Amino acid sequence: MIRILALFLLLLSPAFALAEGGADSAYGKLGAGGYSDIETGIVELAASGDPRAAIVLSALADGRLYARSADKAVLIKEGTNFVDARTGKPAEGPTDGLKPLRVNNKVRRALDAAQGQLNLVSPDPAKRQEAADAVFKARDIAALPALDAAIAKEKDAGIRRTMSEARAAAILSKSGSSEADKLAAIPAIQARGDGDAMAVLRGLANDPSEAARNAAAKSIASIETRLATIGGVQNIWYGVSLGSVLLLAAIGLAITFGVMGVINMAHGEMVMIGAYTTYLVQEAFRAHAPGLFDWSILVAIPAAFLVSGAVGVAIERGIIRFLYGRPLETLLATFGVSLILQQTVRTIFGPTNREVGVPGFMTGAFDFFGLSITWGRLWIVVFCLGLFFFLLFVLRKTSFGLKTRAVTQNRRMAAAMGIRTPYVDAMTFGLGSGIAGIAGVALSQIDNVSPNLGQSYIIDSFLVVVFGGVGNLWGTLVAALTLGVANKLAEPYFGAVLAKIGLLIFIILFIQKRPRGLFALKGRAVES
């Protein structure tokens, strides 16, 4: 009896009547079908507290909300059936001639803001963060009460900060806000420090308060300085990323060129073979073990090394060993091999690009002190450095590395000491080709896998090797990172083409001064 009396008093309370009236008014405006009516209905429905508000607004966003002209009833399409938007029960009355509710840009902004308000108290932190971002971008004054309530309950510091920024943006967009409120809100927007924050602050350019205008101008200048700094650091990161790609493509060439003095124009095709090996490995995983697809990249790395290395040994034993001491003939022969390998791949796989998937752990990006870093690029940089130090270990700490360095420094003396120089030549060429194949695995994650893949990197690879010093791995590392960073820092000022031309001119002039590169290494070319 007491519960019935309490329910009766609740029904008579002004708050309940207001909520019911707000929901009725909102559905009525949605049913009217005009853009301005729909916008008003969205705002009223979000503020009404109707438990079905989120469902109705989601249906509107998906294009599943309809209005009946006869009685302005609002219906939601679920499959082939319609349900009443207010109750969720099957629709009563005719469903012929229903008019879908359309949205324009203005309605879309109101819809995003309303959905943001409803998600501010969601139990899912990701939804609360997304809702706070949506309200910030909408700068909806009507969201202030919902924001205040959400901020009071929020325990996550990052989400609470975003909500405070959204509240500050709404206050600065509100025409009736006091000067004190605006001055208190500006630091919160400045702390956000991105382009959206600058857009909010620029809205105060014509504010009647001189203090607010001056504070906004100072905040904008501070944000511009911060963004310029972040942009410079971001370009350096892009340069490191580009340098790691150049190092992967050039490091095998540095080994081959340094030990054997062979200008291998087919080096780019070793990269291509590694990329196509990755494609074949992934196809095998798709066909036989789709659940283990993310592990395919770990299988592709040794497979690409073995396949490309075997092709390299075959080229050295079949062609290059007959042309030592004749650099022009070697260049022409390897160029011919390059054309043959490209045409062979076109015949087998076709001329079009092949799809190579990206493992889950290499997708997405994360924010690091304002820098946007993609996981794919980060893993390639880490992989590149790991490969570099592995090669250093092989060349410095193994018997094969000792023999390779001996042949590099003095071939005749190494032969006199019993080292089989033809074996070292073949294995070194195979090692350089295998490393190029591993580079193809990495490049397949960021570039198109096609017969022309290797040609995109062969010239840059030679520039890196010559600039760093023939046969010197540390020189190759320094040269790759230097050229990558310099290229990315110059691009914003001169454009991509002029920046590359400028680097080429610089390298030509540098080689005129230091013909053996940054780190000179004694080798066959020096002995001759």
Protein backbone atom coordinates (compact mmCIF):
# COMPACT_ATOMS: atom_id res chain seq x y z
CA MET A 1 0.00 0.00 0.00
CA ILE A 2 2.86 2.36 0.85
CA ARG A 3 4.61 1.56 -2.48
CA ILE A 4 1.42 2.32 -4.41
CA LEU A 5 1.05 5.63 -2.55
CA ALA A 6 4.70 6.54 -3.26
CA LEU A 7 4.28 5.74 -6.96
CA PHE A 8 1.11 7.86 -7.05
CA LEU A 9 2.95 10.81 -5.49
CA LEU A 10 5.81 10.36 -7.97
CA LEU A 11 3.42 10.53 -10.89
CA LEU A 12 2.04 13.79 -9.52
CA SER A 13 5.47 15.32 -8.91
CA PRO A 14 6.57 18.26 -11.14
CA ALA A 15 9.86 16.56 -12.05
CA PHE A 16 8.12 13.49 -13.41
CA ALA A 17 5.65 15.61 -15.32
CA LEU A 18 8.50 17.64 -16.79
CA ALA A 19 10.36 14.53 -17.90
CA GLU A 20 7.27 13.00 -19.44
CA GLY A 21 6.38 16.25 -21.10
CA GLY A 22 9.96 16.63 -22.42
CA ALA A 23 9.90 13.15 -23.94
CA ASP A 24 6.44 13.70 -25.50
CA SER A 25 7.56 17.01 -26.96
CA ALA A 26 10.77 15.45 -28.28
CA TYR A 27 8.98 12.58 -30.03
CA GLY A 28 6.47 15.03 -31.46
CA LYS A 29 9.21 17.16 -32.96
CA LEU A 30 11.00 14.10 -34.35
CA GLY A 31 7.74 12.99 -35.93
CA ALA A 32 7.32 16.39 -37.61
CA GLY A 33 10.23 15.47 -39.90
CA GLY A 34 11.74 18.90 -40.59
CA TYR A 35 15.46 19.42 -40.04
CA SER A 36 14.95 22.13 -37.40
CA ASP A 37 12.28 20.04 -35.66
CA ILE A 38 14.54 16.97 -35.66
CA GLU A 39 17.42 19.01 -34.21
CA THR A 40 15.21 20.36 -31.41
CA GLY A 41 13.75 16.91 -30.79
CA ILE A 42 17.24 15.41 -30.43
CA VAL A 43 18.22 18.00 -27.80
CA GLU A 44 14.97 17.56 -25.85
CA LEU A 45 15.11 13.78 -26.00
CA ALA A 46 18.68 13.71 -24.64
CA ALA A 47 17.68 16.01 -21.77
CA SER A 48 14.41 14.24 -20.99
CA GLY A 49 15.90 11.24 -19.20
CA ASP A 50 13.88 8.84 -21.39
CA PRO A 51 15.44 5.36 -20.97
CA ARG A 52 15.01 4.68 -24.70
CA ALA A 53 16.74 7.89 -25.77
CA ALA A 54 20.03 6.20 -26.62
CA ILE A 55 18.28 3.51 -28.71
CA VAL A 56 16.23 6.08 -30.64
CA LEU A 57 19.22 8.33 -31.34
CA SER A 58 21.29 5.35 -32.44
CA ALA A 59 18.52 4.36 -34.86
CA LEU A 60 18.47 7.91 -36.22
CA ALA A 61 22.25 7.81 -36.73
CA ASP A 62 21.93 4.47 -38.58
CA GLY A 63 19.08 5.68 -40.81
CA ARG A 64 16.53 3.33 -39.22
CA LEU A 65 14.19 5.94 -37.72
CA TYR A 66 10.92 6.65 -39.55
CA ALA A 67 7.96 8.99 -39.05
CA ARG A 68 4.32 8.38 -39.97
CA SER A 69 2.74 11.47 -41.50
CA ALA A 70 -0.81 10.71 -40.29
CA ASP A 71 -0.16 10.84 -36.53
CA LYS A 72 3.58 11.81 -36.40
CA ALA A 73 4.38 8.51 -34.75
CA VAL A 74 8.08 7.64 -34.62
CA LEU A 75 9.03 4.06 -35.53
CA ILE A 76 12.30 2.12 -35.59
CA LYS A 77 13.00 -0.37 -38.36
CA GLU A 78 14.38 -3.67 -37.09
CA GLY A 79 15.02 -6.00 -39.99
CA THR A 80 11.78 -6.10 -41.94
CA ASN A 81 9.58 -5.06 -39.00
CA PHE A 82 8.88 -1.78 -37.22
CA VAL A 83 8.68 -1.09 -33.48
CA ASP A 84 7.34 1.92 -31.62
CA ALA A 85 10.25 4.20 -30.73
CA ARG A 86 8.71 5.16 -27.37
CA THR A 87 7.89 1.70 -26.07
CA GLY A 88 9.95 -0.74 -28.13
CA LYS A 89 6.80 -2.79 -28.80
CA PRO A 90 5.67 -3.83 -32.29
CA ALA A 91 4.25 -0.86 -34.15
CA GLU A 92 0.49 -0.45 -34.31
CA GLY A 93 -1.24 0.97 -37.34
CA PRO A 94 -0.18 1.09 -40.98
CA THR A 95 3.50 1.01 -41.93
CA ASP A 96 3.04 1.97 -45.55
CA GLY A 97 4.28 5.37 -46.69
CA LEU A 98 6.64 5.88 -43.75
CA LYS A 99 9.13 8.69 -44.22
CA PRO A 100 12.74 8.08 -43.13
CA LEU A 101 14.14 10.84 -40.94
CA ARG A 102 17.10 12.43 -42.70
CA VAL A 103 20.01 14.32 -41.16
CA ASN A 104 22.08 17.20 -42.47
CA ASN A 105 25.32 18.56 -41.06
CA LYS A 106 23.59 20.65 -38.41
CA VAL A 107 21.42 17.76 -37.29
CA ARG A 108 24.45 15.45 -37.33
CA ARG A 109 26.31 17.76 -34.93
CA ALA A 110 23.31 17.87 -32.61
CA LEU A 111 23.03 14.08 -32.81
CA ASP A 112 26.71 13.56 -31.98
CA ALA A 113 26.43 15.93 -29.04
CA ALA A 114 23.29 14.23 -27.74
CA GLN A 115 24.79 10.77 -28.00
CA GLY A 116 27.84 12.14 -26.24
CA GLN A 117 25.70 13.38 -23.35
CA LEU A 118 24.03 10.01 -22.97
CA ASN A 119 27.37 8.17 -22.99
CA LEU A 120 28.99 10.45 -20.41
CA VAL A 121 27.80 8.14 -17.64
CA SER A 122 28.36 4.87 -19.52
CA PRO A 123 30.07 2.11 -17.50
CA ASP A 124 32.50 1.64 -20.43
CA PRO A 125 35.50 4.03 -20.06
CA ALA A 126 36.09 4.04 -23.83
CA LYS A 127 32.53 5.23 -24.43
CA ARG A 128 32.87 7.94 -21.79
CA GLN A 129 36.08 9.17 -23.42
CA GLU A 130 34.47 9.14 -26.84
CA ALA A 131 31.42 10.97 -25.46
CA ALA A 132 33.56 13.66 -23.83
CA ASP A 133 35.43 14.20 -27.12
CA ALA A 134 32.12 14.47 -29.01
CA VAL A 135 30.74 17.04 -26.58
CA PHE A 136 33.98 19.03 -26.81
CA LYS A 137 33.76 19.21 -30.59
CA ALA A 138 30.05 20.07 -30.50
CA ARG A 139 30.55 22.78 -27.80
CA ASP A 140 26.95 22.18 -26.80
CA ILE A 141 25.76 24.54 -24.05
CA ALA A 142 22.89 22.18 -23.23
CA ALA A 143 25.42 19.55 -22.19
CA LEU A 144 26.72 21.61 -19.23
CA PRO A 145 24.43 20.00 -16.59
CA ALA A 146 25.28 16.51 -17.85
CA LEU A 147 28.99 17.37 -17.88
CA ASP A 148 28.90 18.72 -14.32
CA ALA A 149 27.20 15.55 -13.10
CA ALA A 150 29.60 13.31 -15.02
CA ILE A 151 32.71 15.17 -13.82
CA ALA A 152 31.58 14.79 -10.20
CA LYS A 153 31.32 11.00 -10.64
CA GLU A 154 34.32 10.38 -12.93
CA LYS A 155 37.30 8.63 -11.31
CA ASP A 156 39.55 8.28 -14.36
CA ALA A 157 41.89 11.31 -14.45
CA GLY A 158 42.27 11.34 -18.24
CA ILE A 159 38.54 11.14 -18.92
CA ARG A 160 37.81 13.73 -16.26
CA ARG A 161 40.31 16.08 -17.92
CA THR A 162 38.60 15.66 -21.29
CA MET A 163 35.22 16.32 -19.68
CA SER A 164 36.60 19.48 -18.07
CA GLU A 165 37.90 20.59 -21.47
CA ALA A 166 34.46 19.95 -22.99
CA ARG A 167 32.86 22.00 -20.21
CA ALA A 168 35.32 24.85 -20.78
CA ALA A 169 34.61 24.79 -24.54
CA ALA A 170 30.87 25.00 -23.88
CA ILE A 171 31.36 27.94 -21.51
CA LEU A 172 33.50 29.82 -24.02
CA SER A 173 30.90 29.21 -26.73
CA LYS A 174 28.06 30.44 -24.54
CA SER A 175 27.25 34.06 -25.30
CA GLY A 176 26.08 34.83 -21.78
CA SER A 177 29.14 33.51 -19.92
CA SER A 178 30.75 35.95 -17.53
CA GLU A 179 34.27 37.26 -17.97
CA ALA A 180 35.39 35.38 -14.86
CA ASP A 181 34.03 32.08 -16.21
CA LYS A 182 35.78 32.64 -19.54
CA LEU A 183 39.11 33.48 -17.92
CA ALA A 184 38.80 30.34 -15.77
CA ALA A 185 37.97 28.18 -18.81
CA ILE A 186 40.78 29.37 -21.12
CA PRO A 187 43.65 27.56 -19.26
CA ALA A 188 41.80 24.24 -19.57
CA ILE A 189 41.53 24.71 -23.34
CA GLN A 190 45.18 25.79 -23.58
CA ALA A 191 46.24 22.64 -21.73
CA ARG A 192 44.61 20.56 -24.47
CA GLY A 193 47.04 22.17 -26.92
CA ASP A 194 45.76 20.91 -30.28
CA GLY A 195 44.07 22.35 -33.36
CA ASP A 196 40.60 21.95 -31.86
CA ALA A 197 41.68 23.96 -28.84
CA MET A 198 42.95 26.75 -31.09
CA ALA A 199 39.63 26.79 -32.94
CA VAL A 200 37.77 27.27 -29.65
CA LEU A 201 40.10 30.08 -28.57
CA ARG A 202 39.89 31.83 -31.93
CA GLY A 203 36.15 32.09 -31.33
CA LEU A 204 36.98 34.73 -28.70
CA ALA A 205 38.59 37.09 -31.23
CA ASN A 206 35.54 39.38 -31.16
CA ASP A 207 34.62 38.83 -27.52
CA PRO A 208 33.48 42.02 -25.76
CA SER A 209 35.86 41.32 -22.86
CA GLU A 210 39.36 42.65 -23.56
CA ALA A 211 40.82 40.44 -20.83
CA ALA A 212 39.30 37.34 -22.45
CA ARG A 213 40.61 38.37 -25.88
CA ASN A 214 44.14 38.93 -24.56
CA ALA A 215 44.16 35.68 -22.60
CA ALA A 216 42.93 33.77 -25.67
CA ALA A 217 45.62 35.39 -27.87
CA LYS A 218 48.38 34.40 -25.42
CA SER A 219 47.04 30.86 -25.24
CA ILE A 220 46.91 30.58 -29.02
CA ALA A 221 50.54 31.74 -29.29
CA SER A 222 51.57 29.17 -26.67
CA ILE A 223 49.72 26.38 -28.49
CA GLU A 224 51.27 27.37 -31.84
CA THR A 225 54.75 27.18 -30.32
CA ARG A 226 54.00 23.79 -28.81
CA LEU A 227 52.54 22.43 -32.06
CA ALA A 228 55.56 23.68 -34.03
CA THR A 229 57.87 21.88 -31.60
CA ILE A 230 55.83 18.69 -31.78
CA GLY A 231 55.74 18.98 -35.58
CA GLY A 232 59.54 19.18 -35.70
CA VAL A 233 59.92 16.17 -33.41
CA GLN A 234 57.28 14.33 -35.45
CA ASN A 235 59.29 14.98 -38.64
CA ILE A 236 62.41 13.64 -36.93
CA TRP A 237 60.47 10.47 -36.02
CA TYR A 238 59.28 10.17 -39.63
CA GLY A 239 62.92 10.58 -40.67
CA VAL A 240 64.03 7.81 -38.30
CA SER A 241 61.25 5.63 -39.71
CA LEU A 242 62.34 6.37 -43.29
CA GLY A 243 65.97 5.82 -42.30
CA SER A 244 65.16 2.40 -40.89
CA VAL A 245 63.52 1.44 -44.19
CA LEU A 246 66.58 2.68 -46.12
CA LEU A 247 68.87 0.76 -43.76
CA LEU A 248 66.91 -2.45 -44.27
CA ALA A 249 67.14 -2.05 -48.03
CA ALA A 250 70.83 -1.07 -48.03
CA ILE A 251 72.43 -3.18 -45.32
CA GLY A 252 72.64 -6.31 -47.49
CA LEU A 253 74.09 -4.26 -50.33
CA ALA A 254 76.71 -2.82 -47.97
CA ILE A 255 77.92 -6.34 -47.15
CA THR A 256 78.01 -7.48 -50.77
CA PHE A 257 79.56 -4.32 -52.17
CA GLY A 258 82.13 -4.07 -49.37
CA VAL A 259 83.46 -7.63 -49.57
CA MET A 260 83.16 -8.37 -53.27
CA GLY A 261 83.23 -4.96 -54.93
CA VAL A 262 80.23 -6.02 -57.02
CA ILE A 263 77.68 -3.41 -58.09
CA ASN A 264 74.62 -5.64 -57.81
CA MET A 265 71.76 -4.06 -59.75
CA ALA A 266 69.58 -7.08 -58.90
CA HIS A 267 69.67 -6.27 -55.18
CA GLY A 268 66.23 -4.66 -55.36
CA GLU A 269 64.82 -7.88 -56.76
CA MET A 270 66.06 -9.74 -53.68
CA VAL A 271 63.87 -7.36 -51.68
CA MET A 272 60.98 -8.13 -54.05
CA ILE A 273 61.50 -11.90 -53.65
CA GLY A 274 61.33 -11.51 -49.87
CA ALA A 275 58.05 -9.62 -50.17
CA TYR A 276 56.50 -12.26 -52.42
CA THR A 277 57.71 -14.99 -50.07
CA THR A 278 55.79 -13.18 -47.32
CA TYR A 279 52.72 -13.20 -49.54
CA LEU A 280 52.99 -16.96 -50.17
CA VAL A 281 53.49 -17.70 -46.46
CA GLN A 282 50.43 -15.63 -45.57
CA GLU A 283 48.36 -17.39 -48.23
CA ALA A 284 49.35 -20.73 -46.70
CA PHE A 285 48.27 -19.49 -43.27
CA ARG A 286 44.98 -18.16 -44.65
CA ALA A 287 44.25 -21.52 -46.23
CA HIS A 288 45.39 -23.89 -43.48
CA ALA A 289 45.66 -21.97 -40.18
CA PRO A 290 43.66 -18.72 -40.31
CA GLY A 291 43.56 -18.52 -36.52
CA LEU A 292 47.36 -18.26 -36.43
CA PHE A 293 47.61 -15.55 -39.08
CA ASP A 294 49.38 -13.08 -36.76
CA TRP A 295 52.24 -15.57 -36.46
CA SER A 296 52.74 -15.73 -40.22
CA ILE A 297 55.19 -12.81 -40.14
CA LEU A 298 57.50 -14.81 -37.84
CA VAL A 299 57.51 -17.69 -40.32
CA ALA A 300 57.97 -15.35 -43.30
CA ILE A 301 61.21 -13.85 -41.93
CA PRO A 302 63.37 -17.04 -42.05
CA ALA A 303 61.57 -18.21 -45.21
CA ALA A 304 62.37 -14.96 -47.04
CA PHE A 305 65.99 -15.12 -45.87
CA LEU A 306 66.43 -18.67 -47.16
CA VAL A 307 64.70 -18.10 -50.50
CA SER A 308 66.42 -14.80 -51.30
CA GLY A 309 69.75 -16.12 -50.01
CA ALA A 310 69.49 -19.21 -52.23
CA VAL A 311 68.71 -17.05 -55.27
CA GLY A 312 71.70 -14.85 -54.38
CA VAL A 313 74.08 -17.81 -54.12
CA ALA A 314 72.80 -19.11 -57.48
CA ILE A 315 73.45 -15.71 -59.11
CA GLU A 316 76.97 -15.52 -57.65
CA ARG A 317 77.91 -19.06 -58.61
CA GLY A 318 76.26 -18.92 -62.02
CA ILE A 319 77.21 -15.45 -63.25
CA ILE A 320 79.15 -13.10 -61.01
CA ARG A 321 82.13 -15.35 -60.19
CA PHE A 322 83.11 -15.23 -63.87
CA LEU A 323 83.12 -11.43 -63.91
CA TYR A 324 85.30 -10.45 -60.93
CA GLY A 325 87.58 -7.54 -61.75
CA ARG A 326 85.27 -6.38 -64.57
CA PRO A 327 82.86 -3.95 -62.85
CA LEU A 328 81.11 -2.72 -66.00
CA GLU A 329 80.28 -6.23 -67.16
CA THR A 330 79.11 -7.11 -63.64
CA LEU A 331 76.81 -4.10 -63.57
CA LEU A 332 75.30 -4.98 -66.96
CA ALA A 333 74.95 -8.67 -66.07
CA THR A 334 73.17 -8.00 -62.76
CA PHE A 335 70.94 -5.46 -64.49
CA GLY A 336 69.94 -8.19 -66.93
CA VAL A 337 69.29 -10.55 -64.01
CA SER A 338 67.12 -7.84 -62.49
CA LEU A 339 64.94 -7.68 -65.61
CA ILE A 340 64.70 -11.48 -65.79
CA LEU A 341 63.59 -11.76 -62.15
CA GLN A 342 60.99 -9.01 -62.59
CA GLN A 343 59.52 -10.66 -65.66
CA THR A 344 59.52 -14.07 -63.98
CA VAL A 345 57.51 -12.67 -61.07
CA ARG A 346 55.10 -10.96 -63.50
CA THR A 347 54.60 -14.27 -65.29
CA ILE A 348 53.92 -16.21 -62.10
CA PHE A 349 51.97 -13.67 -60.01
CA GLY A 350 50.80 -11.14 -62.59
CA PRO A 351 51.62 -7.41 -62.80
CA THR A 352 49.07 -6.27 -60.20
CA ASN A 353 49.73 -5.68 -56.51
CA ARG A 354 49.34 -8.58 -54.13
CA GLU A 355 47.62 -8.24 -50.78
CA VAL A 356 49.83 -8.78 -47.75
CA GLY A 357 48.03 -8.57 -44.41
CA VAL A 358 49.27 -6.75 -41.35
CA PRO A 359 49.37 -8.70 -38.05
CA GLY A 360 47.18 -7.40 -35.26
CA PHE A 361 50.10 -6.28 -33.12
CA MET A 362 51.31 -3.98 -35.94
CA THR A 363 48.00 -2.16 -36.45
CA GLY A 364 46.84 1.06 -34.83
CA ALA A 365 48.75 3.92 -33.24
CA PHE A 366 49.38 5.46 -29.86
CA ASP A 367 50.05 8.94 -28.54
CA PHE A 368 53.44 9.67 -26.97
CA PHE A 369 53.68 13.18 -25.49
CA GLY A 370 51.71 14.58 -28.41
CA LEU A 371 53.42 12.43 -31.06
CA SER A 372 51.31 10.01 -33.07
CA ILE A 373 53.31 6.81 -33.49
CA THR A 374 51.99 3.87 -35.49
CA TRP A 375 52.75 0.42 -34.15
CA GLY A 376 53.74 -0.81 -37.62
CA ARG A 377 56.49 1.78 -38.07
CA LEU A 378 57.70 1.31 -34.50
CA TRP A 379 58.04 -2.45 -34.95
CA ILE A 380 59.95 -1.92 -38.21
CA VAL A 381 62.40 0.44 -36.46
CA VAL A 382 62.89 -2.08 -33.64
CA PHE A 383 63.26 -4.93 -36.14
CA CYS A 384 65.77 -2.95 -38.19
CA LEU A 385 67.96 -2.20 -35.17
CA GLY A 386 67.75 -5.81 -34.01
CA LEU A 387 68.83 -7.04 -37.45
CA PHE A 388 71.67 -4.52 -37.52
CA PHE A 389 73.13 -5.67 -34.19
CA PHE A 390 72.66 -9.31 -35.17
CA LEU A 391 74.77 -8.72 -38.28
CA LEU A 392 77.40 -6.95 -36.19
CA PHE A 393 77.53 -10.01 -33.96
CA VAL A 394 77.87 -12.34 -36.95
CA LEU A 395 80.66 -10.31 -38.53
CA ARG A 396 82.56 -9.63 -35.29
CA LYS A 397 82.08 -12.76 -33.19
CA THR A 398 81.82 -15.71 -35.59
CA SER A 399 84.31 -17.64 -37.71
CA PHE A 400 82.43 -16.71 -40.86
CA GLY A 401 82.57 -13.03 -39.90
CA LEU A 402 86.33 -13.27 -39.28
CA LYS A 403 86.89 -14.80 -42.70
CA THR A 404 84.67 -12.19 -44.32
CA ARG A 405 86.62 -9.34 -42.75
CA ALA A 406 89.89 -10.96 -43.76
CA VAL A 407 88.80 -11.21 -47.39
CA THR A 408 87.57 -7.61 -47.27
CA GLN A 409 90.89 -6.27 -45.99
CA ASN A 410 93.31 -8.38 -48.07
CA ARG A 411 91.99 -11.06 -50.39
CA ARG A 412 95.37 -12.50 -51.43
CA MET A 413 96.65 -12.73 -47.87
CA ALA A 414 93.38 -14.37 -46.77
CA ALA A 415 93.75 -16.96 -49.55
CA ALA A 416 97.35 -17.57 -48.53
CA MET A 417 96.16 -18.24 -44.97
CA GLY A 418 93.93 -21.04 -46.24
CA ILE A 419 90.61 -19.21 -46.41
CA ARG A 420 88.47 -20.43 -49.31
CA THR A 421 87.71 -17.05 -50.85
CA PRO A 422 85.22 -18.42 -53.44
CA TYR A 423 83.22 -19.95 -50.58
CA VAL A 424 83.33 -16.64 -48.66
CA ASP A 425 82.20 -14.80 -51.81
CA ALA A 426 79.23 -17.12 -52.33
CA MET A 427 78.16 -17.10 -48.69
CA THR A 428 78.61 -13.34 -48.40
CA PHE A 429 76.53 -12.73 -51.50
CA GLY A 430 73.94 -15.14 -50.14
CA LEU A 431 73.97 -13.36 -46.76
CA GLY A 432 73.51 -9.95 -48.41
CA SER A 433 70.69 -11.28 -50.58
CA GLY A 434 69.04 -12.98 -47.61
CA ILE A 435 69.12 -9.74 -45.61
CA ALA A 436 67.50 -8.02 -48.59
CA GLY A 437 64.79 -10.69 -48.50
CA ILE A 438 64.17 -9.93 -44.82
CA ALA A 439 63.92 -6.25 -45.78
CA GLY A 440 61.22 -7.31 -48.24
CA VAL A 441 59.22 -8.83 -45.36
CA ALA A 442 59.27 -5.50 -43.52
CA LEU A 443 58.56 -3.42 -46.63
CA SER A 444 55.59 -5.62 -47.52
CA GLN A 445 53.87 -4.21 -44.40
CA ILE A 446 54.13 -0.58 -45.55
CA ASP A 447 54.38 -0.72 -49.35
CA ASN A 448 52.69 -2.35 -52.32
CA VAL A 449 53.94 -5.84 -53.15
CA SER A 450 54.50 -5.72 -56.90
CA PRO A 451 57.26 -6.68 -59.38
CA ASN A 452 58.56 -3.10 -59.16
CA LEU A 453 58.94 -3.04 -55.37
CA GLY A 454 62.73 -3.33 -55.35
CA GLN A 455 63.25 -0.61 -57.96
CA SER A 456 61.81 1.96 -55.55
CA TYR A 457 64.73 1.44 -53.13
CA ILE A 458 67.77 0.42 -55.21
CA ILE A 459 69.00 3.97 -55.95
CA ASP A 460 68.51 5.11 -52.35
CA SER A 461 70.33 1.98 -51.18
CA PHE A 462 73.40 2.80 -53.27
CA LEU A 463 73.35 6.39 -51.99
CA VAL A 464 73.27 5.15 -48.39
CA VAL A 465 76.15 2.70 -48.96
CA VAL A 466 78.37 5.21 -50.78
CA PHE A 467 77.63 8.02 -48.30
CA GLY A 468 78.27 5.87 -45.23
CA GLY A 469 81.37 4.12 -46.49
CA VAL A 470 81.50 0.96 -48.56
CA GLY A 471 81.32 -2.19 -46.44
CA ASN A 472 81.01 -0.40 -43.09
CA LEU A 473 77.85 -1.31 -41.20
CA TRP A 474 78.08 1.59 -38.75
CA GLY A 475 78.54 3.95 -41.68
CA THR A 476 75.46 2.45 -43.33
CA LEU A 477 73.43 2.99 -40.15
CA VAL A 478 74.54 6.61 -39.74
CA ALA A 479 74.04 7.36 -43.44
CA ALA A 480 70.54 5.84 -43.55
CA LEU A 481 69.32 7.73 -40.49
CA THR A 482 71.01 10.97 -41.61
CA LEU A 483 69.47 10.86 -45.08
CA GLY A 484 66.07 9.84 -43.71
CA VAL A 485 65.90 12.62 -41.11
CA ALA A 486 67.34 15.25 -43.48
CA ASN A 487 64.81 14.31 -46.15
CA LYS A 488 61.82 14.58 -43.80
CA LEU A 489 63.02 17.86 -42.28
CA ALA A 490 63.49 19.39 -45.74
CA GLU A 491 60.19 18.20 -47.23
CA PRO A 492 57.93 20.77 -45.46
CA TYR A 493 60.02 23.63 -46.85
CA PHE A 494 61.03 22.44 -50.34
CA GLY A 495 58.62 19.63 -51.20
CA ALA A 496 59.38 15.93 -51.63
CA VAL A 497 61.01 16.18 -55.08
CA LEU A 498 63.25 19.18 -54.40
CA ALA A 499 64.27 17.74 -51.03
CA LYS A 500 65.44 14.50 -52.68
CA ILE A 501 67.26 16.42 -55.42
CA GLY A 502 68.97 18.57 -52.79
CA LEU A 503 70.15 15.47 -50.90
CA LEU A 504 71.49 13.95 -54.11
CA ILE A 505 73.49 17.11 -54.87
CA PHE A 506 74.81 17.14 -51.30
CA ILE A 507 75.99 13.52 -51.56
CA ILE A 508 77.70 14.20 -54.90
CA LEU A 509 79.59 17.13 -53.41
CA PHE A 510 80.39 15.14 -50.28
CA ILE A 511 81.82 12.23 -52.28
CA GLN A 512 84.00 14.68 -54.18
CA LYS A 513 85.54 15.67 -50.85
CA ARG A 514 85.54 12.20 -49.22
CA PRO A 515 85.48 9.56 -51.96
CA ARG A 516 85.37 6.68 -49.46
CA GLY A 517 82.38 8.03 -47.52
CA LEU A 518 81.86 8.88 -43.86
CA PHE A 519 83.64 5.78 -42.51
CA ALA A 520 86.32 4.57 -44.89
CA LEU A 521 86.98 0.82 -44.92
CA LYS A 522 89.83 -0.90 -46.70
CA GLY A 523 88.59 -3.40 -49.24
CA ARG A 524 89.09 -4.80 -52.69
CA ALA A 525 88.37 -1.48 -54.40
CA VAL A 526 91.07 0.20 -52.32
CA GLU A 527 93.61 -2.57 -52.93
CA SER A 528 93.25 -2.27 -56.67
